[in-house]
Amino acid sequence: KKPNILYLRILGSLTYVLIPKLRRKGKLADKANKEILIGFNSSNNFLVYVPSQNRVINS
């Protein structure tokens, strides 16, 4: 069976990470944050750099 490559994206590209409804600050608040894709985890997760917090998260 061939590996699935549909989830792959270009490293360094702009990425939007969804904000959960419970963390949003009202009905008209942003639904996603702009972040930078820096890599992939072994479990098909994305490693994303958050410039506003100066840290890397799994998404």
N, C-alpha and C. Protein backbone atom coordinates (compact mmCIF):
# COMPACT_ATOMS: atom_id res chain seq x y z
N LYS A 1 0.84 -1.18 0.00
CA LYS A 1 0.00 0.00 0.00
C LYS A 1 0.89 1.24 0.00
N LYS A 2 0.54 2.22 -0.84
CA LYS A 2 1.31 3.46 -0.93
C LYS A 2 1.01 4.37 0.27
N PRO A 3 2.04 5.11 0.73
CA PRO A 3 1.79 6.06 1.82
C PRO A 3 0.91 7.22 1.34
N ASN A 4 0.10 7.75 2.23
CA ASN A 4 -0.78 8.87 1.91
C ASN A 4 -0.01 10.18 2.06
N ILE A 5 0.12 10.95 0.99
CA ILE A 5 0.86 12.21 1.04
C ILE A 5 -0.06 13.42 0.93
N LEU A 6 -1.35 13.22 1.07
CA LEU A 6 -2.30 14.33 0.93
C LEU A 6 -2.17 15.37 2.04
N TYR A 7 -1.67 14.98 3.20
CA TYR A 7 -1.56 15.93 4.31
C TYR A 7 -0.30 16.79 4.24
N LEU A 8 0.64 16.48 3.36
CA LEU A 8 1.90 17.23 3.28
C LEU A 8 1.67 18.65 2.77
N ARG A 9 2.39 19.59 3.34
CA ARG A 9 2.33 21.00 2.96
C ARG A 9 3.75 21.53 2.81
N ILE A 10 3.89 22.72 2.23
CA ILE A 10 5.19 23.35 2.04
C ILE A 10 5.67 23.94 3.36
N LEU A 11 6.89 23.58 3.77
CA LEU A 11 7.45 24.09 5.02
C LEU A 11 7.71 25.59 4.89
N GLY A 12 7.43 26.34 5.96
CA GLY A 12 7.60 27.78 5.97
C GLY A 12 6.38 28.54 5.47
N SER A 13 5.35 27.84 5.07
CA SER A 13 4.16 28.50 4.54
C SER A 13 3.25 28.98 5.68
N LEU A 14 2.41 29.94 5.35
CA LEU A 14 1.45 30.47 6.31
C LEU A 14 0.38 29.41 6.57
N THR A 15 0.03 29.23 7.83
CA THR A 15 -0.92 28.21 8.23
C THR A 15 -1.96 28.83 9.15
N TYR A 16 -3.19 28.38 9.06
CA TYR A 16 -4.25 28.84 9.95
C TYR A 16 -4.61 27.71 10.91
N VAL A 17 -4.52 28.00 12.21
CA VAL A 17 -4.84 27.02 13.24
C VAL A 17 -6.14 27.44 13.91
N LEU A 18 -7.12 26.54 13.91
CA LEU A 18 -8.45 26.82 14.45
C LEU A 18 -8.41 27.06 15.95
N ILE A 19 -9.15 28.07 16.41
CA ILE A 19 -9.31 28.35 17.83
C ILE A 19 -10.59 27.65 18.29
N PRO A 20 -10.53 26.81 19.34
CA PRO A 20 -11.75 26.14 19.82
C PRO A 20 -12.81 27.16 20.26
N LYS A 21 -14.08 26.80 20.12
CA LYS A 21 -15.18 27.72 20.44
C LYS A 21 -15.12 28.23 21.88
N LEU A 22 -14.69 27.39 22.80
CA LEU A 22 -14.63 27.80 24.21
C LEU A 22 -13.56 28.85 24.47
N ARG A 23 -12.56 28.96 23.61
CA ARG A 23 -11.48 29.94 23.80
C ARG A 23 -11.70 31.23 23.02
N ARG A 24 -12.70 31.27 22.16
CA ARG A 24 -12.98 32.48 21.39
C ARG A 24 -13.59 33.54 22.30
N LYS A 25 -13.36 34.79 21.95
CA LYS A 25 -13.79 35.90 22.80
C LYS A 25 -15.03 36.58 22.22
N GLY A 26 -16.04 35.82 21.92
CA GLY A 26 -17.28 36.40 21.41
C GLY A 26 -17.64 35.85 20.04
N LYS A 27 -18.83 36.24 19.61
CA LYS A 27 -19.38 35.71 18.36
C LYS A 27 -18.61 36.19 17.13
N LEU A 28 -18.09 37.41 17.17
CA LEU A 28 -17.40 37.98 16.01
C LEU A 28 -15.88 37.89 16.12
N ALA A 29 -15.38 37.15 17.09
CA ALA A 29 -13.94 37.01 17.28
C ALA A 29 -13.33 36.13 16.18
N ASP A 30 -12.01 36.21 16.04
CA ASP A 30 -11.31 35.39 15.05
C ASP A 30 -11.56 33.91 15.32
N LYS A 31 -11.66 33.13 14.24
CA LYS A 31 -11.87 31.69 14.37
C LYS A 31 -10.58 30.91 14.19
N ALA A 32 -9.52 31.59 13.74
CA ALA A 32 -8.23 30.92 13.53
C ALA A 32 -7.11 31.92 13.71
N ASN A 33 -5.92 31.41 14.03
CA ASN A 33 -4.71 32.22 14.16
C ASN A 33 -3.80 31.95 12.98
N LYS A 34 -3.08 33.00 12.53
CA LYS A 34 -2.09 32.82 11.47
C LYS A 34 -0.78 32.40 12.11
N GLU A 35 -0.23 31.29 11.64
CA GLU A 35 1.03 30.78 12.14
C GLU A 35 1.86 30.25 10.99
N ILE A 36 3.07 29.76 11.29
CA ILE A 36 4.00 29.31 10.26
C ILE A 36 4.29 27.82 10.44
N LEU A 37 4.12 27.06 9.36
CA LEU A 37 4.38 25.62 9.38
C LEU A 37 5.89 25.38 9.34
N ILE A 38 6.41 24.64 10.33
CA ILE A 38 7.86 24.38 10.36
C ILE A 38 8.22 22.91 10.26
N GLY A 39 7.23 22.01 10.33
CA GLY A 39 7.57 20.59 10.21
C GLY A 39 6.39 19.69 10.47
N PHE A 40 6.70 18.38 10.51
CA PHE A 40 5.69 17.36 10.73
C PHE A 40 6.13 16.46 11.87
N ASN A 41 5.17 15.96 12.62
CA ASN A 41 5.41 15.03 13.70
C ASN A 41 5.27 13.61 13.15
N SER A 42 5.74 12.62 13.88
CA SER A 42 5.66 11.24 13.41
C SER A 42 4.23 10.72 13.34
N SER A 43 3.31 11.36 14.03
CA SER A 43 1.91 10.91 14.03
C SER A 43 1.04 11.78 13.12
N ASN A 44 1.59 12.27 12.03
CA ASN A 44 0.88 13.09 11.04
C ASN A 44 0.34 14.40 11.60
N ASN A 45 0.93 14.92 12.65
CA ASN A 45 0.58 16.23 13.17
C ASN A 45 1.52 17.26 12.57
N PHE A 46 1.08 18.51 12.57
CA PHE A 46 1.91 19.60 12.07
C PHE A 46 2.62 20.28 13.24
N LEU A 47 3.88 20.65 13.05
CA LEU A 47 4.60 21.49 14.00
C LEU A 47 4.48 22.92 13.49
N VAL A 48 3.92 23.79 14.33
CA VAL A 48 3.60 25.15 13.91
C VAL A 48 4.27 26.13 14.86
N TYR A 49 4.91 27.16 14.28
CA TYR A 49 5.52 28.23 15.07
C TYR A 49 4.50 29.33 15.28
N VAL A 50 4.32 29.73 16.54
CA VAL A 50 3.38 30.80 16.90
C VAL A 50 4.20 32.05 17.21
N PRO A 51 4.29 33.01 16.27
CA PRO A 51 5.13 34.19 16.49
C PRO A 51 4.70 35.05 17.67
N SER A 52 3.39 35.15 17.93
CA SER A 52 2.92 36.01 19.02
C SER A 52 3.33 35.48 20.39
N GLN A 53 3.52 34.16 20.51
CA GLN A 53 3.91 33.55 21.78
C GLN A 53 5.35 33.06 21.77
N ASN A 54 6.02 33.13 20.62
CA ASN A 54 7.41 32.72 20.45
C ASN A 54 7.62 31.26 20.89
N ARG A 55 6.74 30.36 20.41
CA ARG A 55 6.85 28.95 20.75
C ARG A 55 6.34 28.08 19.61
N VAL A 56 6.60 26.77 19.71
CA VAL A 56 6.19 25.79 18.71
C VAL A 56 5.11 24.91 19.33
N ILE A 57 4.04 24.65 18.56
CA ILE A 57 2.96 23.80 19.04
C ILE A 57 2.69 22.67 18.05
N ASN A 58 2.06 21.61 18.53
CA ASN A 58 1.54 20.52 17.68
C ASN A 58 0.12 20.88 17.31
N SER A 59 -0.21 20.71 16.05
CA SER A 59 -1.57 21.01 15.63
C SER A 59 -2.15 19.83 14.88
